[in-house]
Amino acid sequence: MQHGRCLCGGLEFTVEGQPNEVVHCHCHFCQRATGSAYLIETLFDKNRFHLLRGTPRVFGHVSEGSGKLVHIHFCGTCGTKTHMLFERFPSSVGVYSGTFDNKDWFERRPDNNLHFYLSSAPVGTVVPAGHRVFDAHYWESDGVIAEAQVFDTHTLVTEQLKAASQGRLRDR
């Protein structure tokens, strides 16, 4: 079991086992939600996430990519976002990984890490070698998996790389 909490400790949770996937999301929503360049989100089956203390407030946001609701759970006292539930993926929970007590407990491997939204990643972001990178979301639409890129070397996001990614999205 791994523990996490909000900044003030009003919300506390545990998760069981390793995450199903680790998502590094560079979309505009995740940039705004975290106040940073991207979100590191660990995905678990909902039955492996346990809220131990507190009652989160919930903000519903319609995803630009899918048009479906994302339910963002946060502390009403300190404002820390702890986890998300998804209309699109009802059996999953996404944890804001910065809320774990131990930030290094879960494995980060090319086979379990996904990088979403290269098309909006800030210039200067480094994409690690061997990881699957998507121009937008992993799912193009319900049930259709997008095509990934895998870079042979650590790759710096440049204006040219972003423009090529945005072009591939327009050409679909």
N, C-alpha and C. Protein backbone atom coordinates (compact mmCIF):
# COMPACT_ATOMS: atom_id res chain seq x y z
N MET A 1 0.84 -1.19 0.00
CA MET A 1 0.00 0.00 0.00
C MET A 1 0.88 1.25 0.00
N GLN A 2 0.51 2.18 -0.81
CA GLN A 2 1.19 3.48 -0.83
C GLN A 2 0.22 4.56 -0.40
N HIS A 3 0.71 5.50 0.38
CA HIS A 3 -0.12 6.57 0.92
C HIS A 3 0.12 7.88 0.19
N GLY A 4 -0.92 8.70 0.19
CA GLY A 4 -0.83 10.05 -0.34
C GLY A 4 -1.78 10.95 0.41
N ARG A 5 -1.61 12.25 0.20
CA ARG A 5 -2.48 13.20 0.88
C ARG A 5 -2.39 14.56 0.20
N CYS A 6 -3.32 15.41 0.59
CA CYS A 6 -3.29 16.79 0.13
C CYS A 6 -2.30 17.57 0.99
N LEU A 7 -2.11 18.83 0.68
CA LEU A 7 -1.14 19.66 1.37
C LEU A 7 -1.44 19.81 2.86
N CYS A 8 -2.71 19.96 3.22
CA CYS A 8 -3.06 20.17 4.63
C CYS A 8 -3.34 18.87 5.37
N GLY A 9 -3.42 17.75 4.67
CA GLY A 9 -3.69 16.46 5.30
C GLY A 9 -5.17 16.16 5.48
N GLY A 10 -6.03 17.05 5.02
CA GLY A 10 -7.48 16.83 5.14
C GLY A 10 -7.99 15.67 4.29
N LEU A 11 -7.33 15.42 3.16
CA LEU A 11 -7.62 14.26 2.32
C LEU A 11 -6.43 13.32 2.39
N GLU A 12 -6.71 12.05 2.64
CA GLU A 12 -5.66 11.04 2.67
C GLU A 12 -6.17 9.80 1.95
N PHE A 13 -5.27 9.15 1.21
CA PHE A 13 -5.67 7.98 0.43
C PHE A 13 -4.55 6.95 0.40
N THR A 14 -4.89 5.74 -0.04
CA THR A 14 -3.90 4.71 -0.34
C THR A 14 -4.23 4.11 -1.69
N VAL A 15 -3.22 3.51 -2.29
CA VAL A 15 -3.40 2.71 -3.51
C VAL A 15 -2.71 1.38 -3.28
N GLU A 16 -3.21 0.36 -3.98
CA GLU A 16 -2.65 -0.99 -3.89
C GLU A 16 -1.92 -1.33 -5.18
N GLY A 17 -0.71 -1.85 -5.07
CA GLY A 17 0.02 -2.35 -6.22
C GLY A 17 0.57 -1.26 -7.11
N GLN A 18 1.26 -1.69 -8.15
CA GLN A 18 1.83 -0.78 -9.14
C GLN A 18 0.71 -0.20 -10.00
N PRO A 19 0.89 1.01 -10.53
CA PRO A 19 -0.12 1.58 -11.44
C PRO A 19 -0.21 0.77 -12.73
N ASN A 20 -1.38 0.82 -13.35
CA ASN A 20 -1.56 0.19 -14.66
C ASN A 20 -0.71 0.89 -15.71
N GLU A 21 -0.66 2.21 -15.62
CA GLU A 21 0.14 3.02 -16.53
C GLU A 21 0.55 4.29 -15.80
N VAL A 22 1.61 4.90 -16.32
CA VAL A 22 2.06 6.20 -15.84
C VAL A 22 1.99 7.14 -17.04
N VAL A 23 1.18 8.19 -16.90
CA VAL A 23 0.96 9.12 -18.00
C VAL A 23 1.64 10.45 -17.69
N HIS A 24 2.43 10.91 -18.63
CA HIS A 24 3.01 12.25 -18.59
C HIS A 24 2.20 13.04 -19.61
N CYS A 25 1.26 13.84 -19.12
CA CYS A 25 0.34 14.53 -20.03
C CYS A 25 0.71 16.00 -20.15
N HIS A 26 0.93 16.42 -21.40
CA HIS A 26 1.36 17.78 -21.71
C HIS A 26 0.22 18.61 -22.30
N CYS A 27 -1.04 18.17 -22.12
CA CYS A 27 -2.18 18.92 -22.68
C CYS A 27 -2.38 20.22 -21.90
N HIS A 28 -3.12 21.14 -22.49
CA HIS A 28 -3.36 22.43 -21.83
C HIS A 28 -4.12 22.26 -20.52
N PHE A 29 -5.07 21.35 -20.46
CA PHE A 29 -5.80 21.10 -19.21
C PHE A 29 -4.84 20.71 -18.09
N CYS A 30 -3.96 19.74 -18.35
CA CYS A 30 -3.03 19.28 -17.31
C CYS A 30 -2.03 20.36 -16.94
N GLN A 31 -1.63 21.19 -17.90
CA GLN A 31 -0.73 22.30 -17.58
C GLN A 31 -1.41 23.28 -16.63
N ARG A 32 -2.67 23.61 -16.92
CA ARG A 32 -3.40 24.53 -16.04
C ARG A 32 -3.71 23.88 -14.69
N ALA A 33 -4.09 22.61 -14.71
CA ALA A 33 -4.49 21.92 -13.47
C ALA A 33 -3.32 21.78 -12.50
N THR A 34 -2.11 21.67 -13.03
CA THR A 34 -0.94 21.49 -12.16
C THR A 34 -0.13 22.77 -11.99
N GLY A 35 -0.33 23.74 -12.87
CA GLY A 35 0.49 24.94 -12.83
C GLY A 35 1.91 24.66 -13.28
N SER A 36 2.09 23.62 -14.07
CA SER A 36 3.43 23.23 -14.53
C SER A 36 3.38 22.78 -15.99
N ALA A 37 4.48 22.26 -16.47
CA ALA A 37 4.58 21.88 -17.88
C ALA A 37 3.76 20.63 -18.21
N TYR A 38 3.56 19.75 -17.23
CA TYR A 38 2.78 18.54 -17.48
C TYR A 38 2.39 17.89 -16.15
N LEU A 39 1.48 16.95 -16.25
CA LEU A 39 1.01 16.17 -15.11
C LEU A 39 1.60 14.77 -15.21
N ILE A 40 2.10 14.26 -14.10
CA ILE A 40 2.43 12.84 -14.02
C ILE A 40 1.26 12.20 -13.28
N GLU A 41 0.54 11.36 -14.00
CA GLU A 41 -0.68 10.74 -13.49
C GLU A 41 -0.50 9.23 -13.48
N THR A 42 -0.69 8.64 -12.32
CA THR A 42 -0.65 7.19 -12.22
C THR A 42 -2.08 6.68 -12.28
N LEU A 43 -2.31 5.69 -13.13
CA LEU A 43 -3.65 5.15 -13.34
C LEU A 43 -3.80 3.80 -12.66
N PHE A 44 -4.89 3.66 -11.92
CA PHE A 44 -5.21 2.44 -11.18
C PHE A 44 -6.64 2.03 -11.45
N ASP A 45 -6.93 0.75 -11.24
CA ASP A 45 -8.32 0.32 -11.19
C ASP A 45 -8.95 0.99 -9.97
N LYS A 46 -10.20 1.44 -10.11
CA LYS A 46 -10.85 2.17 -9.01
C LYS A 46 -10.87 1.39 -7.71
N ASN A 47 -10.99 0.08 -7.77
CA ASN A 47 -11.08 -0.72 -6.54
C ASN A 47 -9.74 -0.82 -5.82
N ARG A 48 -8.67 -0.28 -6.40
CA ARG A 48 -7.35 -0.28 -5.76
C ARG A 48 -6.99 1.08 -5.16
N PHE A 49 -7.93 2.01 -5.22
CA PHE A 49 -7.78 3.35 -4.64
C PHE A 49 -8.73 3.45 -3.45
N HIS A 50 -8.21 3.90 -2.30
CA HIS A 50 -9.04 3.97 -1.09
C HIS A 50 -8.86 5.32 -0.42
N LEU A 51 -9.96 6.07 -0.33
CA LEU A 51 -9.94 7.33 0.38
C LEU A 51 -10.04 7.03 1.87
N LEU A 52 -9.07 7.44 2.65
CA LEU A 52 -9.01 7.13 4.07
C LEU A 52 -9.58 8.25 4.94
N ARG A 53 -9.40 9.49 4.50
CA ARG A 53 -9.83 10.62 5.32
C ARG A 53 -10.31 11.75 4.43
N GLY A 54 -11.37 12.40 4.89
CA GLY A 54 -11.87 13.59 4.22
C GLY A 54 -12.87 13.29 3.13
N THR A 55 -13.54 14.35 2.74
CA THR A 55 -14.50 14.30 1.63
C THR A 55 -14.07 15.34 0.61
N PRO A 56 -13.59 14.89 -0.54
CA PRO A 56 -13.11 15.87 -1.52
C PRO A 56 -14.25 16.65 -2.15
N ARG A 57 -13.94 17.84 -2.57
CA ARG A 57 -14.84 18.59 -3.44
C ARG A 57 -14.56 18.08 -4.85
N VAL A 58 -15.50 18.25 -5.74
CA VAL A 58 -15.36 17.72 -7.10
C VAL A 58 -15.70 18.81 -8.10
N PHE A 59 -14.83 18.96 -9.08
CA PHE A 59 -15.06 19.87 -10.19
C PHE A 59 -15.19 19.04 -11.45
N GLY A 60 -16.27 19.23 -12.20
CA GLY A 60 -16.47 18.53 -13.46
C GLY A 60 -15.96 19.36 -14.62
N HIS A 61 -15.10 18.77 -15.42
CA HIS A 61 -14.51 19.45 -16.58
C HIS A 61 -14.76 18.60 -17.82
N VAL A 62 -15.22 19.22 -18.88
CA VAL A 62 -15.42 18.50 -20.14
C VAL A 62 -14.10 18.48 -20.90
N SER A 63 -13.61 17.28 -21.18
CA SER A 63 -12.35 17.12 -21.89
C SER A 63 -12.47 17.63 -23.32
N GLU A 64 -11.47 18.43 -23.73
CA GLU A 64 -11.45 18.91 -25.11
C GLU A 64 -11.26 17.76 -26.08
N GLY A 65 -10.49 16.75 -25.67
CA GLY A 65 -10.19 15.63 -26.56
C GLY A 65 -11.36 14.70 -26.79
N SER A 66 -12.06 14.31 -25.71
CA SER A 66 -13.12 13.31 -25.84
C SER A 66 -14.53 13.89 -25.75
N GLY A 67 -14.66 15.09 -25.19
CA GLY A 67 -15.98 15.66 -24.97
C GLY A 67 -16.69 15.05 -23.78
N LYS A 68 -15.98 14.23 -23.00
CA LYS A 68 -16.58 13.56 -21.84
C LYS A 68 -16.06 14.20 -20.55
N LEU A 69 -16.82 13.97 -19.47
CA LEU A 69 -16.49 14.59 -18.19
C LEU A 69 -15.29 13.94 -17.51
N VAL A 70 -14.47 14.80 -16.92
CA VAL A 70 -13.40 14.41 -16.02
C VAL A 70 -13.79 15.01 -14.67
N HIS A 71 -13.85 14.19 -13.63
CA HIS A 71 -14.23 14.64 -12.29
C HIS A 71 -12.96 14.80 -11.46
N ILE A 72 -12.59 16.06 -11.20
CA ILE A 72 -11.36 16.38 -10.49
C ILE A 72 -11.69 16.49 -9.00
N HIS A 73 -11.04 15.66 -8.18
CA HIS A 73 -11.26 15.64 -6.74
C HIS A 73 -10.15 16.44 -6.05
N PHE A 74 -10.57 17.37 -5.18
CA PHE A 74 -9.60 18.24 -4.54
C PHE A 74 -10.03 18.57 -3.13
N CYS A 75 -9.08 19.03 -2.33
CA CYS A 75 -9.35 19.41 -0.95
C CYS A 75 -10.01 20.79 -0.92
N GLY A 76 -11.13 20.90 -0.23
CA GLY A 76 -11.82 22.17 -0.11
C GLY A 76 -11.10 23.16 0.79
N THR A 77 -10.15 22.69 1.57
CA THR A 77 -9.40 23.58 2.47
C THR A 77 -8.15 24.13 1.81
N CYS A 78 -7.29 23.25 1.31
CA CYS A 78 -6.01 23.71 0.75
C CYS A 78 -6.00 23.76 -0.78
N GLY A 79 -7.00 23.16 -1.43
CA GLY A 79 -7.11 23.21 -2.89
C GLY A 79 -6.32 22.16 -3.66
N THR A 80 -5.58 21.31 -2.96
CA THR A 80 -4.77 20.29 -3.64
C THR A 80 -5.64 19.31 -4.40
N LYS A 81 -5.32 19.08 -5.67
CA LYS A 81 -5.99 18.05 -6.46
C LYS A 81 -5.33 16.72 -6.15
N THR A 82 -6.13 15.71 -5.80
CA THR A 82 -5.56 14.41 -5.44
C THR A 82 -5.81 13.35 -6.50
N HIS A 83 -7.00 13.35 -7.11
CA HIS A 83 -7.29 12.30 -8.08
C HIS A 83 -8.43 12.72 -9.01
N MET A 84 -8.59 11.93 -10.09
CA MET A 84 -9.62 12.16 -11.09
C MET A 84 -10.37 10.88 -11.39
N LEU A 85 -11.64 11.03 -11.67
CA LEU A 85 -12.45 9.93 -12.20
C LEU A 85 -12.92 10.36 -13.58
N PHE A 86 -13.17 9.38 -14.45
CA PHE A 86 -13.40 9.68 -15.86
C PHE A 86 -14.70 9.06 -16.36
N GLU A 87 -15.52 9.86 -17.01
CA GLU A 87 -16.70 9.33 -17.68
C GLU A 87 -16.26 8.34 -18.76
N ARG A 88 -15.20 8.65 -19.45
CA ARG A 88 -14.72 7.83 -20.57
C ARG A 88 -14.15 6.49 -20.11
N PHE A 89 -13.55 6.46 -18.92
CA PHE A 89 -12.91 5.25 -18.38
C PHE A 89 -13.45 5.02 -16.96
N PRO A 90 -14.70 4.55 -16.83
CA PRO A 90 -15.36 4.49 -15.53
C PRO A 90 -14.74 3.55 -14.51
N SER A 91 -13.91 2.62 -14.92
CA SER A 91 -13.30 1.70 -13.95
C SER A 91 -11.92 2.14 -13.49
N SER A 92 -11.48 3.34 -13.91
CA SER A 92 -10.14 3.82 -13.59
C SER A 92 -10.16 5.06 -12.71
N VAL A 93 -9.08 5.24 -11.97
CA VAL A 93 -8.83 6.47 -11.23
C VAL A 93 -7.43 6.95 -11.60
N GLY A 94 -7.30 8.23 -11.80
CA GLY A 94 -6.00 8.83 -12.07
C GLY A 94 -5.55 9.63 -10.87
N VAL A 95 -4.38 9.33 -10.35
CA VAL A 95 -3.86 10.00 -9.17
C VAL A 95 -2.84 11.05 -9.59
N TYR A 96 -2.99 12.26 -9.05
CA TYR A 96 -1.98 13.29 -9.22
C TYR A 96 -0.76 12.80 -8.44
N SER A 97 0.25 12.34 -9.13
CA SER A 97 1.34 11.58 -8.50
C SER A 97 2.18 12.40 -7.54
N GLY A 98 2.14 13.71 -7.64
CA GLY A 98 2.85 14.55 -6.70
C GLY A 98 2.25 14.53 -5.30
N THR A 99 1.07 13.91 -5.14
CA THR A 99 0.43 13.84 -3.82
C THR A 99 0.84 12.61 -3.04
N PHE A 100 1.60 11.70 -3.64
CA PHE A 100 2.09 10.53 -2.89
C PHE A 100 3.13 10.97 -1.87
N ASP A 101 3.14 10.33 -0.71
CA ASP A 101 4.15 10.62 0.30
C ASP A 101 5.54 10.30 -0.25
N ASN A 102 5.68 9.19 -0.92
CA ASN A 102 6.94 8.80 -1.56
C ASN A 102 6.75 8.95 -3.07
N LYS A 103 7.37 9.94 -3.64
CA LYS A 103 7.19 10.23 -5.08
C LYS A 103 7.89 9.22 -5.98
N ASP A 104 8.78 8.41 -5.42
CA ASP A 104 9.59 7.49 -6.24
C ASP A 104 9.20 6.03 -6.11
N TRP A 105 8.07 5.73 -5.53
CA TRP A 105 7.74 4.32 -5.25
C TRP A 105 7.32 3.55 -6.50
N PHE A 106 6.74 4.19 -7.49
CA PHE A 106 6.24 3.44 -8.65
C PHE A 106 7.29 3.40 -9.75
N GLU A 107 7.23 2.30 -10.51
CA GLU A 107 8.19 2.08 -11.58
C GLU A 107 7.90 2.97 -12.78
N ARG A 108 8.95 3.46 -13.38
CA ARG A 108 8.86 4.26 -14.61
C ARG A 108 9.70 3.56 -15.67
N ARG A 109 9.01 2.84 -16.54
CA ARG A 109 9.69 2.06 -17.58
C ARG A 109 9.08 2.42 -18.94
N PRO A 110 9.81 2.22 -20.00
CA PRO A 110 9.24 2.49 -21.32
C PRO A 110 7.94 1.73 -21.58
N ASP A 111 7.76 0.55 -21.01
CA ASP A 111 6.55 -0.22 -21.30
C ASP A 111 5.34 0.22 -20.46
N ASN A 112 5.54 1.04 -19.41
CA ASN A 112 4.37 1.48 -18.63
C ASN A 112 4.21 3.00 -18.64
N ASN A 113 5.08 3.72 -19.32
CA ASN A 113 5.00 5.18 -19.40
C ASN A 113 4.48 5.60 -20.76
N LEU A 114 3.58 6.56 -20.75
CA LEU A 114 3.03 7.14 -21.97
C LEU A 114 3.18 8.65 -21.88
N HIS A 115 3.53 9.27 -22.99
CA HIS A 115 3.63 10.73 -23.05
C HIS A 115 2.56 11.22 -24.01
N PHE A 116 1.59 11.96 -23.47
CA PHE A 116 0.46 12.48 -24.26
C PHE A 116 0.70 13.94 -24.64
N TYR A 117 0.15 14.33 -25.78
CA TYR A 117 0.08 15.71 -26.24
C TYR A 117 1.45 16.34 -26.49
N LEU A 118 2.25 15.67 -27.30
CA LEU A 118 3.48 16.27 -27.80
C LEU A 118 3.16 17.60 -28.49
N SER A 119 1.98 17.66 -29.10
CA SER A 119 1.56 18.85 -29.85
C SER A 119 1.46 20.10 -28.99
N SER A 120 1.36 19.97 -27.67
CA SER A 120 1.29 21.14 -26.81
C SER A 120 2.33 21.12 -25.69
N ALA A 121 3.31 20.24 -25.78
CA ALA A 121 4.39 20.20 -24.78
C ALA A 121 5.21 21.48 -24.89
N PRO A 122 5.58 22.08 -23.77
CA PRO A 122 6.39 23.29 -23.83
C PRO A 122 7.76 23.04 -24.44
N VAL A 123 8.23 24.01 -25.20
CA VAL A 123 9.58 23.95 -25.76
C VAL A 123 10.55 23.78 -24.60
N GLY A 124 11.51 22.88 -24.77
CA GLY A 124 12.50 22.62 -23.73
C GLY A 124 12.18 21.39 -22.91
N THR A 125 10.97 20.82 -23.05
CA THR A 125 10.63 19.57 -22.38
C THR A 125 11.46 18.45 -22.98
N VAL A 126 11.94 17.56 -22.14
CA VAL A 126 12.72 16.42 -22.62
C VAL A 126 11.83 15.18 -22.62
N VAL A 127 11.76 14.52 -23.76
CA VAL A 127 11.04 13.26 -23.89
C VAL A 127 12.08 12.15 -23.84
N PRO A 128 11.92 11.19 -22.91
CA PRO A 128 12.96 10.17 -22.76
C PRO A 128 12.97 9.16 -23.91
N ALA A 129 14.16 8.67 -24.20
CA ALA A 129 14.35 7.65 -25.23
C ALA A 129 13.57 6.39 -24.86
N GLY A 130 12.99 5.76 -25.88
CA GLY A 130 12.33 4.48 -25.70
C GLY A 130 10.89 4.53 -25.22
N HIS A 131 10.39 5.71 -24.86
CA HIS A 131 9.02 5.83 -24.36
C HIS A 131 8.06 6.14 -25.51
N ARG A 132 6.83 5.66 -25.37
CA ARG A 132 5.80 5.94 -26.38
C ARG A 132 5.29 7.37 -26.21
N VAL A 133 5.30 8.12 -27.31
CA VAL A 133 4.92 9.52 -27.32
C VAL A 133 3.79 9.69 -28.34
N PHE A 134 2.73 10.37 -27.92
CA PHE A 134 1.55 10.55 -28.77
C PHE A 134 1.35 12.03 -29.07
N ASP A 135 0.91 12.35 -30.29
CA ASP A 135 0.65 13.74 -30.66
C ASP A 135 -0.48 14.32 -29.81
N ALA A 136 -1.46 13.50 -29.47
CA ALA A 136 -2.57 13.92 -28.61
C ALA A 136 -2.74 12.82 -27.55
N HIS A 137 -3.95 12.35 -27.36
CA HIS A 137 -4.23 11.30 -26.37
C HIS A 137 -3.91 9.94 -26.97
N TYR A 138 -3.72 8.97 -26.10
CA TYR A 138 -3.51 7.57 -26.49
C TYR A 138 -4.68 7.05 -27.33
N TRP A 139 -5.89 7.43 -26.94
CA TRP A 139 -7.09 7.01 -27.67
C TRP A 139 -7.51 8.13 -28.60
N GLU A 140 -7.52 7.85 -29.92
CA GLU A 140 -8.02 8.85 -30.86
C GLU A 140 -9.51 9.06 -30.66
N SER A 141 -10.22 7.98 -30.47
CA SER A 141 -11.64 8.01 -30.12
C SER A 141 -11.88 6.71 -29.36
N ASP A 142 -13.09 6.53 -28.88
CA ASP A 142 -13.36 5.34 -28.09
C ASP A 142 -13.01 4.08 -28.87
N GLY A 143 -12.03 3.36 -28.35
CA GLY A 143 -11.65 2.09 -28.94
C GLY A 143 -10.60 2.15 -30.03
N VAL A 144 -10.19 3.35 -30.45
CA VAL A 144 -9.18 3.47 -31.51
C VAL A 144 -7.89 4.01 -30.89
N ILE A 145 -6.84 3.20 -30.96
CA ILE A 145 -5.56 3.59 -30.37
C ILE A 145 -4.77 4.42 -31.38
N ALA A 146 -4.20 5.51 -30.90
CA ALA A 146 -3.40 6.38 -31.75
C ALA A 146 -2.04 5.75 -32.03
N GLU A 147 -1.39 6.27 -33.05
CA GLU A 147 -0.05 5.79 -33.38
C GLU A 147 0.98 6.54 -32.53
N ALA A 148 1.91 5.80 -31.96
CA ALA A 148 2.93 6.39 -31.10
C ALA A 148 4.23 6.58 -31.86
N GLN A 149 5.02 7.52 -31.39
CA GLN A 149 6.40 7.67 -31.82
C GLN A 149 7.28 7.18 -30.67
N VAL A 150 8.42 6.66 -30.99
CA VAL A 150 9.41 6.28 -29.98
C VAL A 150 10.74 6.85 -30.46
N PHE A 151 11.31 7.73 -29.65
CA PHE A 151 12.58 8.35 -30.00
C PHE A 151 13.74 7.48 -29.53
N ASP A 152 14.77 7.37 -30.36
CA ASP A 152 15.95 6.55 -30.04
C ASP A 152 16.83 7.19 -28.97
N THR A 153 16.79 8.51 -28.88
CA THR A 153 17.58 9.24 -27.90
C THR A 153 16.66 10.18 -27.13
N HIS A 154 17.11 10.65 -25.97
CA HIS A 154 16.33 11.67 -25.27
C HIS A 154 16.17 12.84 -26.24
N THR A 155 14.94 13.35 -26.33
CA THR A 155 14.64 14.34 -27.36
C THR A 155 14.07 15.60 -26.72
N LEU A 156 14.64 16.73 -27.11
CA LEU A 156 14.20 18.03 -26.62
C LEU A 156 13.07 18.53 -27.51
N VAL A 157 11.95 18.93 -26.89
CA VAL A 157 10.84 19.50 -27.65
C VAL A 157 11.27 20.87 -28.15
N THR A 158 11.14 21.05 -29.46
CA THR A 158 11.45 22.31 -30.12
C THR A 158 10.19 22.81 -30.82
N GLU A 159 10.24 24.04 -31.31
CA GLU A 159 9.11 24.58 -32.09
C GLU A 159 8.87 23.70 -33.32
N GLN A 160 9.95 23.21 -33.94
CA GLN A 160 9.81 22.39 -35.14
C GLN A 160 9.16 21.04 -34.82
N LEU A 161 9.55 20.44 -33.70
CA LEU A 161 8.96 19.16 -33.30
C LEU A 161 7.47 19.32 -33.00
N LYS A 162 7.12 20.40 -32.29
CA LYS A 162 5.71 20.68 -31.99
C LYS A 162 4.91 20.93 -33.27
N ALA A 163 5.48 21.70 -34.19
CA ALA A 163 4.79 22.00 -35.45
C ALA A 163 4.54 20.73 -36.25
N ALA A 164 5.51 19.82 -36.28
CA ALA A 164 5.31 18.54 -36.98
C ALA A 164 4.21 17.74 -36.31
N SER A 165 4.16 17.73 -34.99
CA SER A 165 3.12 17.02 -34.25
C SER A 165 1.74 17.62 -34.55
N GLN A 166 1.66 18.94 -34.51
CA GLN A 166 0.39 19.62 -34.81
C GLN A 166 -0.05 19.36 -36.24
N GLY A 167 0.91 19.29 -37.16
CA GLY A 167 0.60 18.99 -38.56
C GLY A 167 0.02 17.60 -38.73
N ARG A 168 0.57 16.61 -38.02
CA ARG A 168 0.04 15.25 -38.10
C ARG A 168 -1.41 15.21 -37.59
N LEU A 169 -1.69 15.98 -36.57
CA LEU A 169 -3.07 16.02 -36.04
C LEU A 169 -4.02 16.64 -37.06
N ARG A 170 -3.58 17.71 -37.70
CA ARG A 170 -4.43 18.37 -38.72
C ARG A 170 -4.68 17.46 -39.91
N ASP A 171 -3.68 16.62 -40.27
CA ASP A 171 -3.77 15.78 -41.46
C ASP A 171 -4.60 14.52 -41.26
N ARG A 172 -5.04 14.27 -40.05
CA ARG A 172 -5.84 13.04 -39.83
C ARG A 172 -7.13 13.07 -40.57
